[in-house]
Amino acid sequence: MQVLKAIDKDSLSLRAASVKFNIPDTGIIDKWKKDFADFGLVVLQPKTRGRPKTINDNKRKKRKSDKPVTREEEPLLEIEALRCDNELLKKF
């Protein structure tokens, strides 16, 4: 918006404005002018770059059952945890 205001206020050419504001290509300013004429100030608002950050907690949380672990299930869970650790160490 500052660039477009300076062009109108000081009657700058696209090349002079690009030099003044250190913009490498005058085509960028020309596009800004066209977008501003067509769509208004909303187009010139800064946009966030990249992919929006989302946190998916469903993958990270382990479900805990309401019932306690029985004596028969306890060794099976321990064996499963040890197998997972073993597979992880094999990868390294």
PDB file of N, CA and C in Angstrom:
ATOM      1  N   MET A   1       0.828  -1.177   0.000  1.00  0.00           N
ATOM      2  CA  MET A   1       0.000   0.000   0.000  1.00  0.00           C
ATOM      3  C   MET A   1       0.881   1.252   0.000  1.00  0.00           C
ATOM      4  N   GLN A   2       2.003   1.196   0.724  1.00  0.00           N
ATOM      5  CA  GLN A   2       2.915   2.343   0.763  1.00  0.00           C
ATOM      6  C   GLN A   2       3.459   2.654  -0.622  1.00  0.00           C
ATOM      7  N   VAL A   3       3.749   1.630  -1.382  1.00  0.00           N
ATOM      8  CA  VAL A   3       4.296   1.819  -2.724  1.00  0.00           C
ATOM      9  C   VAL A   3       3.259   2.492  -3.618  1.00  0.00           C
ATOM     10  N   LEU A   4       2.027   2.006  -3.560  1.00  0.00           N
ATOM     11  CA  LEU A   4       0.976   2.588  -4.397  1.00  0.00           C
ATOM     12  C   LEU A   4       0.671   4.031  -3.993  1.00  0.00           C
ATOM     13  N   LYS A   5       0.700   4.307  -2.702  1.00  0.00           N
ATOM     14  CA  LYS A   5       0.484   5.687  -2.248  1.00  0.00           C
ATOM     15  C   LYS A   5       1.594   6.605  -2.731  1.00  0.00           C
ATOM     16  N   ALA A   6       2.844   6.106  -2.668  1.00  0.00           N
ATOM     17  CA  ALA A   6       3.975   6.920  -3.113  1.00  0.00           C
ATOM     18  C   ALA A   6       3.901   7.185  -4.615  1.00  0.00           C
ATOM     19  N   ILE A   7       3.445   6.212  -5.385  1.00  0.00           N
ATOM     20  CA  ILE A   7       3.306   6.395  -6.832  1.00  0.00           C
ATOM     21  C   ILE A   7       2.290   7.489  -7.127  1.00  0.00           C
ATOM     22  N   ASP A   8       1.153   7.454  -6.437  1.00  0.00           N
ATOM     23  CA  ASP A   8       0.124   8.471  -6.670  1.00  0.00           C
ATOM     24  C   ASP A   8       0.529   9.836  -6.126  1.00  0.00           C
ATOM     25  N   LYS A   9       1.097   9.859  -4.929  1.00  0.00           N
ATOM     26  CA  LYS A   9       1.431  11.133  -4.276  1.00  0.00           C
ATOM     27  C   LYS A   9       2.581  11.850  -4.988  1.00  0.00           C
ATOM     28  N   ASP A  10       3.649  11.114  -5.271  1.00  0.00           N
ATOM     29  CA  ASP A  10       4.850  11.716  -5.841  1.00  0.00           C
ATOM     30  C   ASP A  10       4.924  11.586  -7.359  1.00  0.00           C
ATOM     31  N   SER A  11       3.906  11.027  -7.970  1.00  0.00           N
ATOM     32  CA  SER A  11       3.868  10.784  -9.421  1.00  0.00           C
ATOM     33  C   SER A  11       5.104  10.019  -9.896  1.00  0.00           C
ATOM     34  N   LEU A  12       5.407   8.939  -9.178  1.00  0.00           N
ATOM     35  CA  LEU A  12       6.564   8.114  -9.509  1.00  0.00           C
ATOM     36  C   LEU A  12       6.211   7.141 -10.631  1.00  0.00           C
ATOM     37  N   SER A  13       7.181   6.827 -11.445  1.00  0.00           N
ATOM     38  CA  SER A  13       7.008   5.764 -12.429  1.00  0.00           C
ATOM     39  C   SER A  13       7.197   4.429 -11.718  1.00  0.00           C
ATOM     40  N   LEU A  14       6.849   3.343 -12.401  1.00  0.00           N
ATOM     41  CA  LEU A  14       7.028   2.024 -11.805  1.00  0.00           C
ATOM     42  C   LEU A  14       8.507   1.745 -11.529  1.00  0.00           C
ATOM     43  N   ARG A  15       9.356   2.162 -12.439  1.00  0.00           N
ATOM     44  CA  ARG A  15      10.794   1.947 -12.271  1.00  0.00           C
ATOM     45  C   ARG A  15      11.333   2.755 -11.089  1.00  0.00           C
ATOM     46  N   ALA A  16      10.908   4.014 -10.956  1.00  0.00           N
ATOM     47  CA  ALA A  16      11.372   4.845  -9.847  1.00  0.00           C
ATOM     48  C   ALA A  16      10.877   4.287  -8.511  1.00  0.00           C
ATOM     49  N   ALA A  17       9.650   3.794  -8.497  1.00  0.00           N
ATOM     50  CA  ALA A  17       9.113   3.216  -7.263  1.00  0.00           C
ATOM     51  C   ALA A  17       9.848   1.929  -6.901  1.00  0.00           C
ATOM     52  N   SER A  18      10.187   1.130  -7.910  1.00  0.00           N
ATOM     53  CA  SER A  18      10.898  -0.112  -7.616  1.00  0.00           C
ATOM     54  C   SER A  18      12.295   0.169  -7.074  1.00  0.00           C
ATOM     55  N   VAL A  19      12.936   1.228  -7.565  1.00  0.00           N
ATOM     56  CA  VAL A  19      14.250   1.598  -7.051  1.00  0.00           C
ATOM     57  C   VAL A  19      14.127   2.149  -5.631  1.00  0.00           C
ATOM     58  N   LYS A  20      13.139   3.001  -5.430  1.00  0.00           N
ATOM     59  CA  LYS A  20      12.963   3.635  -4.116  1.00  0.00           C
ATOM     60  C   LYS A  20      12.657   2.608  -3.025  1.00  0.00           C
ATOM     61  N   PHE A  21      11.817   1.628  -3.353  1.00  0.00           N
ATOM     62  CA  PHE A  21      11.400   0.645  -2.350  1.00  0.00           C
ATOM     63  C   PHE A  21      12.161  -0.683  -2.449  1.00  0.00           C
ATOM     64  N   ASN A  22      13.191  -0.712  -3.301  1.00  0.00           N
ATOM     65  CA  ASN A  22      14.043  -1.889  -3.444  1.00  0.00           C
ATOM     66  C   ASN A  22      13.233  -3.136  -3.833  1.00  0.00           C
ATOM     67  N   ILE A  23      12.413  -2.988  -4.862  1.00  0.00           N
ATOM     68  CA  ILE A  23      11.619  -4.090  -5.395  1.00  0.00           C
ATOM     69  C   ILE A  23      12.286  -4.524  -6.693  1.00  0.00           C
ATOM     70  N   PRO A  24      12.635  -5.797  -6.826  1.00  0.00           N
ATOM     71  CA  PRO A  24      13.444  -6.227  -7.966  1.00  0.00           C
ATOM     72  C   PRO A  24      12.751  -6.175  -9.322  1.00  0.00           C
ATOM     73  N   ASP A  25      11.430  -6.267  -9.366  1.00  0.00           N
ATOM     74  CA  ASP A  25      10.735  -6.335 -10.649  1.00  0.00           C
ATOM     75  C   ASP A  25       9.570  -5.349 -10.657  1.00  0.00           C
ATOM     76  N   THR A  26       9.481  -4.547 -11.707  1.00  0.00           N
ATOM     77  CA  THR A  26       8.382  -3.576 -11.799  1.00  0.00           C
ATOM     78  C   THR A  26       7.052  -4.268 -12.077  1.00  0.00           C
ATOM     79  N   GLY A  27       7.096  -5.489 -12.561  1.00  0.00           N
ATOM     80  CA  GLY A  27       5.872  -6.248 -12.810  1.00  0.00           C
ATOM     81  C   GLY A  27       5.095  -6.514 -11.537  1.00  0.00           C
ATOM     82  N   ILE A  28       5.806  -6.618 -10.430  1.00  0.00           N
ATOM     83  CA  ILE A  28       5.151  -6.840  -9.139  1.00  0.00           C
ATOM     84  C   ILE A  28       4.283  -5.638  -8.791  1.00  0.00           C
ATOM     85  N   ILE A  29       4.828  -4.457  -8.966  1.00  0.00           N
ATOM     86  CA  ILE A  29       4.082  -3.238  -8.653  1.00  0.00           C
ATOM     87  C   ILE A  29       2.884  -3.092  -9.588  1.00  0.00           C
ATOM     88  N   ASP A  30       3.092  -3.409 -10.855  1.00  0.00           N
ATOM     89  CA  ASP A  30       2.004  -3.345 -11.825  1.00  0.00           C
ATOM     90  C   ASP A  30       0.874  -4.300 -11.436  1.00  0.00           C
ATOM     91  N   LYS A  31       1.225  -5.491 -10.970  1.00  0.00           N
ATOM     92  CA  LYS A  31       0.218  -6.462 -10.514  1.00  0.00           C
ATOM     93  C   LYS A  31      -0.518  -5.927  -9.292  1.00  0.00           C
ATOM     94  N   TRP A  32       0.216  -5.291  -8.364  1.00  0.00           N
ATOM     95  CA  TRP A  32      -0.419  -4.702  -7.186  1.00  0.00           C
ATOM     96  C   TRP A  32      -1.433  -3.640  -7.592  1.00  0.00           C
ATOM     97  N   LYS A  33      -1.054  -2.821  -8.556  1.00  0.00           N
ATOM     98  CA  LYS A  33      -1.956  -1.761  -9.007  1.00  0.00           C
ATOM     99  C   LYS A  33      -3.239  -2.351  -9.604  1.00  0.00           C
ATOM    100  N   LYS A  34      -3.090  -3.373 -10.433  1.00  0.00           N
ATOM    101  CA  LYS A  34      -4.262  -4.002 -11.049  1.00  0.00           C
ATOM    102  C   LYS A  34      -5.136  -4.685 -10.010  1.00  0.00           C
ATOM    103  N   ASP A  35      -4.507  -5.409  -9.086  1.00  0.00           N
ATOM    104  CA  ASP A  35      -5.275  -6.098  -8.046  1.00  0.00           C
ATOM    105  C   ASP A  35      -5.995  -5.111  -7.138  1.00  0.00           C
ATOM    106  N   PHE A  36      -5.332  -4.006  -6.823  1.00  0.00           N
ATOM    107  CA  PHE A  36      -5.950  -2.998  -5.973  1.00  0.00           C
ATOM    108  C   PHE A  36      -7.133  -2.353  -6.693  1.00  0.00           C
ATOM    109  N   ALA A  37      -6.992  -2.105  -7.986  1.00  0.00           N
ATOM    110  CA  ALA A  37      -8.087  -1.511  -8.754  1.00  0.00           C
ATOM    111  C   ALA A  37      -9.266  -2.481  -8.865  1.00  0.00           C
ATOM    112  N   ASP A  38      -8.988  -3.770  -8.977  1.00  0.00           N
ATOM    113  CA  ASP A  38     -10.061  -4.749  -9.150  1.00  0.00           C
ATOM    114  C   ASP A  38     -10.715  -5.167  -7.839  1.00  0.00           C
ATOM    115  N   PHE A  39      -9.903  -5.393  -6.813  1.00  0.00           N
ATOM    116  CA  PHE A  39     -10.425  -6.012  -5.595  1.00  0.00           C
ATOM    117  C   PHE A  39     -10.330  -5.152  -4.341  1.00  0.00           C
ATOM    118  N   GLY A  40      -9.594  -4.083  -4.369  1.00  0.00           N
ATOM    119  CA  GLY A  40      -9.498  -3.202  -3.212  1.00  0.00           C
ATOM    120  C   GLY A  40      -8.359  -3.561  -2.277  1.00  0.00           C
ATOM    121  N   LEU A  41      -8.471  -3.066  -1.070  1.00  0.00           N
ATOM    122  CA  LEU A  41      -7.395  -3.182  -0.076  1.00  0.00           C
ATOM    123  C   LEU A  41      -7.195  -4.607   0.428  1.00  0.00           C
ATOM    124  N   VAL A  42      -8.214  -5.442   0.349  1.00  0.00           N
ATOM    125  CA  VAL A  42      -8.137  -6.802   0.888  1.00  0.00           C
ATOM    126  C   VAL A  42      -7.028  -7.609   0.202  1.00  0.00           C
ATOM    127  N   VAL A  43      -6.806  -7.363  -1.066  1.00  0.00           N
ATOM    128  CA  VAL A  43      -5.808  -8.117  -1.827  1.00  0.00           C
ATOM    129  C   VAL A  43      -4.395  -7.806  -1.362  1.00  0.00           C
ATOM    130  N   LEU A  44      -4.159  -6.609  -0.874  1.00  0.00           N
ATOM    131  CA  LEU A  44      -2.806  -6.204  -0.504  1.00  0.00           C
ATOM    132  C   LEU A  44      -2.425  -6.584   0.922  1.00  0.00           C
ATOM    133  N   GLN A  45      -3.326  -7.234   1.662  1.00  0.00           N
ATOM    134  CA  GLN A  45      -3.012  -7.644   3.024  1.00  0.00           C
ATOM    135  C   GLN A  45      -1.974  -8.753   2.981  1.00  0.00           C
ATOM    136  N   PRO A  46      -1.029  -8.770   3.944  1.00  0.00           N
ATOM    137  CA  PRO A  46      -0.014  -9.829   3.948  1.00  0.00           C
ATOM    138  C   PRO A  46      -0.656 -11.192   4.183  1.00  0.00           C
ATOM    139  N   LYS A  47      -0.142 -12.194   3.506  1.00  0.00           N
ATOM    140  CA  LYS A  47      -0.653 -13.555   3.619  1.00  0.00           C
ATOM    141  C   LYS A  47       0.367 -14.394   4.364  1.00  0.00           C
ATOM    142  N   THR A  48      -0.142 -15.377   5.063  1.00  0.00           N
ATOM    143  CA  THR A  48       0.768 -16.307   5.722  1.00  0.00           C
ATOM    144  C   THR A  48       1.268 -17.294   4.687  1.00  0.00           C
ATOM    145  N   ARG A  49       2.493 -17.695   4.832  1.00  0.00           N
ATOM    146  CA  ARG A  49       3.094 -18.622   3.879  1.00  0.00           C
ATOM    147  C   ARG A  49       3.123 -20.026   4.447  1.00  0.00           C
ATOM    148  N   GLY A  50       3.128 -20.964   3.542  1.00  0.00           N
ATOM    149  CA  GLY A  50       3.287 -22.354   3.940  1.00  0.00           C
ATOM    150  C   GLY A  50       1.996 -23.007   4.354  1.00  0.00           C
ATOM    151  N   ARG A  51       2.133 -24.194   4.781  1.00  0.00           N
ATOM    152  CA  ARG A  51       0.998 -25.003   5.179  1.00  0.00           C
ATOM    153  C   ARG A  51       0.550 -24.617   6.581  1.00  0.00           C
ATOM    154  N   PRO A  52      -0.750 -24.519   6.815  1.00  0.00           N
ATOM    155  CA  PRO A  52      -1.199 -24.186   8.161  1.00  0.00           C
ATOM    156  C   PRO A  52      -0.835 -25.295   9.151  1.00  0.00           C
ATOM    157  N   LYS A  53      -0.482 -24.888  10.318  1.00  0.00           N
ATOM    158  CA  LYS A  53      -0.055 -25.853  11.317  1.00  0.00           C
ATOM    159  C   LYS A  53      -1.280 -26.464  11.995  1.00  0.00           C
ATOM    160  N   THR A  54      -1.330 -27.770  11.978  1.00  0.00           N
ATOM    161  CA  THR A  54      -2.395 -28.484  12.663  1.00  0.00           C
ATOM    162  C   THR A  54      -1.761 -29.519  13.564  1.00  0.00           C
ATOM    163  N   ILE A  55      -2.349 -29.689  14.690  1.00  0.00           N
ATOM    164  CA  ILE A  55      -1.855 -30.680  15.633  1.00  0.00           C
ATOM    165  C   ILE A  55      -2.913 -31.762  15.741  1.00  0.00           C
ATOM    166  N   ASN A  56      -2.534 -32.963  15.412  1.00  0.00           N
ATOM    167  CA  ASN A  56      -3.445 -34.079  15.487  1.00  0.00           C
ATOM    168  C   ASN A  56      -3.079 -34.908  16.708  1.00  0.00           C
ATOM    169  N   ASP A  57      -3.827 -34.717  17.778  1.00  0.00           N
ATOM    170  CA  ASP A  57      -3.527 -35.412  19.026  1.00  0.00           C
ATOM    171  C   ASP A  57      -4.019 -36.853  19.011  1.00  0.00           C
ATOM    172  N   ASN A  58      -4.851 -37.203  18.042  1.00  0.00           N
ATOM    173  CA  ASN A  58      -5.385 -38.558  18.015  1.00  0.00           C
ATOM    174  C   ASN A  58      -4.290 -39.592  17.812  1.00  0.00           C
ATOM    175  N   LYS A  59      -3.270 -39.267  17.055  1.00  0.00           N
ATOM    176  CA  LYS A  59      -2.198 -40.222  16.788  1.00  0.00           C
ATOM    177  C   LYS A  59      -1.265 -40.372  17.985  1.00  0.00           C
ATOM    178  N   ARG A  60      -1.117 -39.336  18.746  1.00  0.00           N
ATOM    179  CA  ARG A  60      -0.120 -39.341  19.815  1.00  0.00           C
ATOM    180  C   ARG A  60      -0.635 -39.913  21.125  1.00  0.00           C
ATOM    181  N   LYS A  61      -1.909 -39.776  21.360  1.00  0.00           N
ATOM    182  CA  LYS A  61      -2.452 -40.227  22.629  1.00  0.00           C
ATOM    183  C   LYS A  61      -2.772 -41.711  22.568  1.00  0.00           C
ATOM    184  N   LYS A  62      -2.391 -42.404  23.595  1.00  0.00           N
ATOM    185  CA  LYS A  62      -2.766 -43.795  23.712  1.00  0.00           C
ATOM    186  C   LYS A  62      -4.047 -43.864  24.526  1.00  0.00           C
ATOM    187  N   ARG A  63      -4.917 -44.719  24.086  1.00  0.00           N
ATOM    188  CA  ARG A  63      -6.176 -44.867  24.819  1.00  0.00           C
ATOM    189  C   ARG A  63      -5.934 -45.668  26.083  1.00  0.00           C
ATOM    190  N   LYS A  64      -6.443 -45.142  27.152  1.00  0.00           N
ATOM    191  CA  LYS A  64      -6.354 -45.847  28.412  1.00  0.00           C
ATOM    192  C   LYS A  64      -7.734 -46.401  28.723  1.00  0.00           C
ATOM    193  N   SER A  65      -7.764 -47.669  29.003  1.00  0.00           N
ATOM    194  CA  SER A  65      -9.055 -48.276  29.316  1.00  0.00           C
ATOM    195  C   SER A  65      -9.418 -47.962  30.760  1.00  0.00           C
ATOM    196  N   ASP A  66     -10.693 -48.037  31.021  1.00  0.00           N
ATOM    197  CA  ASP A  66     -11.180 -47.746  32.363  1.00  0.00           C
ATOM    198  C   ASP A  66     -10.905 -48.899  33.334  1.00  0.00           C
ATOM    199  N   LYS A  67     -10.805 -50.096  32.778  1.00  0.00           N
ATOM    200  CA  LYS A  67     -10.594 -51.245  33.658  1.00  0.00           C
ATOM    201  C   LYS A  67      -9.097 -51.458  33.908  1.00  0.00           C
ATOM    202  N   PRO A  68      -8.725 -51.888  35.089  1.00  0.00           N
ATOM    203  CA  PRO A  68      -7.312 -52.120  35.384  1.00  0.00           C
ATOM    204  C   PRO A  68      -6.797 -53.348  34.634  1.00  0.00           C
ATOM    205  N   VAL A  69      -5.485 -53.412  34.481  1.00  0.00           N
ATOM    206  CA  VAL A  69      -4.837 -54.522  33.782  1.00  0.00           C
ATOM    207  C   VAL A  69      -4.819 -55.735  34.702  1.00  0.00           C
ATOM    208  N   THR A  70      -5.204 -56.863  34.135  1.00  0.00           N
ATOM    209  CA  THR A  70      -5.213 -58.089  34.941  1.00  0.00           C
ATOM    210  C   THR A  70      -3.823 -58.703  34.982  1.00  0.00           C
ATOM    211  N   ARG A  71      -3.669 -59.717  35.824  1.00  0.00           N
ATOM    212  CA  ARG A  71      -2.374 -60.372  35.970  1.00  0.00           C
ATOM    213  C   ARG A  71      -1.971 -61.098  34.697  1.00  0.00           C
ATOM    214  N   GLU A  72      -2.952 -61.566  33.924  1.00  0.00           N
ATOM    215  CA  GLU A  72      -2.654 -62.278  32.686  1.00  0.00           C
ATOM    216  C   GLU A  72      -2.250 -61.309  31.579  1.00  0.00           C
ATOM    217  N   GLU A  73      -2.817 -60.121  31.593  1.00  0.00           N
ATOM    218  CA  GLU A  73      -2.535 -59.138  30.540  1.00  0.00           C
ATOM    219  C   GLU A  73      -1.220 -58.405  30.761  1.00  0.00           C
ATOM    220  N   GLU A  74      -0.800 -58.288  32.008  1.00  0.00           N
ATOM    221  CA  GLU A  74       0.396 -57.516  32.332  1.00  0.00           C
ATOM    222  C   GLU A  74       1.651 -58.023  31.618  1.00  0.00           C
ATOM    223  N   PRO A  75       1.951 -59.328  31.642  1.00  0.00           N
ATOM    224  CA  PRO A  75       3.151 -59.795  30.912  1.00  0.00           C
ATOM    225  C   PRO A  75       3.025 -59.611  29.396  1.00  0.00           C
ATOM    226  N   LEU A  76       1.807 -59.757  28.870  1.00  0.00           N
ATOM    227  CA  LEU A  76       1.614 -59.579  27.430  1.00  0.00           C
ATOM    228  C   LEU A  76       1.893 -58.132  27.019  1.00  0.00           C
ATOM    229  N   LEU A  77       1.461 -57.193  27.823  1.00  0.00           N
ATOM    230  CA  LEU A  77       1.724 -55.777  27.526  1.00  0.00           C
ATOM    231  C   LEU A  77       3.210 -55.460  27.620  1.00  0.00           C
ATOM    232  N   GLU A  78       3.873 -56.079  28.612  1.00  0.00           N
ATOM    233  CA  GLU A  78       5.311 -55.860  28.763  1.00  0.00           C
ATOM    234  C   GLU A  78       6.082 -56.436  27.572  1.00  0.00           C
ATOM    235  N   ILE A  79       5.677 -57.633  27.118  1.00  0.00           N
ATOM    236  CA  ILE A  79       6.320 -58.242  25.950  1.00  0.00           C
ATOM    237  C   ILE A  79       6.118 -57.368  24.716  1.00  0.00           C
ATOM    238  N   GLU A  80       4.925 -56.843  24.541  1.00  0.00           N
ATOM    239  CA  GLU A  80       4.643 -55.973  23.392  1.00  0.00           C
ATOM    240  C   GLU A  80       5.510 -54.715  23.434  1.00  0.00           C
ATOM    241  N   ALA A  81       5.656 -54.118  24.615  1.00  0.00           N
ATOM    242  CA  ALA A  81       6.486 -52.922  24.747  1.00  0.00           C
ATOM    243  C   ALA A  81       7.952 -53.241  24.446  1.00  0.00           C
ATOM    244  N   LEU A  82       8.439 -54.386  24.915  1.00  0.00           N
ATOM    245  CA  LEU A  82       9.821 -54.785  24.655  1.00  0.00           C
ATOM    246  C   LEU A  82      10.049 -55.074  23.175  1.00  0.00           C
ATOM    247  N   ARG A  83       9.076 -55.656  22.508  1.00  0.00           N
ATOM    248  CA  ARG A  83       9.188 -55.911  21.066  1.00  0.00           C
ATOM    249  C   ARG A  83       9.265 -54.590  20.292  1.00  0.00           C
ATOM    250  N   CYS A  84       8.455 -53.631  20.707  1.00  0.00           N
ATOM    251  CA  CYS A  84       8.493 -52.319  20.052  1.00  0.00           C
ATOM    252  C   CYS A  84       9.857 -51.656  20.237  1.00  0.00           C
ATOM    253  N   ASP A  85      10.375 -51.740  21.452  1.00  0.00           N
ATOM    254  CA  ASP A  85      11.706 -51.166  21.722  1.00  0.00           C
ATOM    255  C   ASP A  85      12.773 -51.871  20.887  1.00  0.00           C
ATOM    256  N   ASN A  86      12.672 -53.186  20.786  1.00  0.00           N
ATOM    257  CA  ASN A  86      13.633 -53.968  20.009  1.00  0.00           C
ATOM    258  C   ASN A  86      13.583 -53.575  18.519  1.00  0.00           C
ATOM    259  N   GLU A  87      12.403 -53.434  17.973  1.00  0.00           N
ATOM    260  CA  GLU A  87      12.261 -53.038  16.568  1.00  0.00           C
ATOM    261  C   GLU A  87      12.835 -51.640  16.336  1.00  0.00           C
ATOM    262  N   LEU A  88      12.628 -50.745  17.287  1.00  0.00           N
ATOM    263  CA  LEU A  88      13.162 -49.396  17.172  1.00  0.00           C
ATOM    264  C   LEU A  88      14.688 -49.412  17.166  1.00  0.00           C
ATOM    265  N   LEU A  89      15.272 -50.234  18.050  1.00  0.00           N
ATOM    266  CA  LEU A  89      16.727 -50.325  18.110  1.00  0.00           C
ATOM    267  C   LEU A  89      17.307 -50.964  16.853  1.00  0.00           C
ATOM    268  N   LYS A  90      16.569 -51.876  16.233  1.00  0.00           N
ATOM    269  CA  LYS A  90      17.034 -52.503  15.003  1.00  0.00           C
ATOM    270  C   LYS A  90      17.135 -51.487  13.871  1.00  0.00           C
ATOM    271  N   LYS A  91      16.264 -50.502  13.873  1.00  0.00           N
ATOM    272  CA  LYS A  91      16.273 -49.491  12.828  1.00  0.00           C
ATOM    273  C   LYS A  91      17.536 -48.637  12.896  1.00  0.00           C
ATOM    274  N   PHE A  92      18.051 -48.442  14.098  1.00  0.00           N
ATOM    275  CA  PHE A  92      19.248 -47.620  14.256  1.00  0.00           C
ATOM    276  C   PHE A  92      20.477 -48.449  14.025  1.00  0.00           C
TER     277      PHE A  92
END
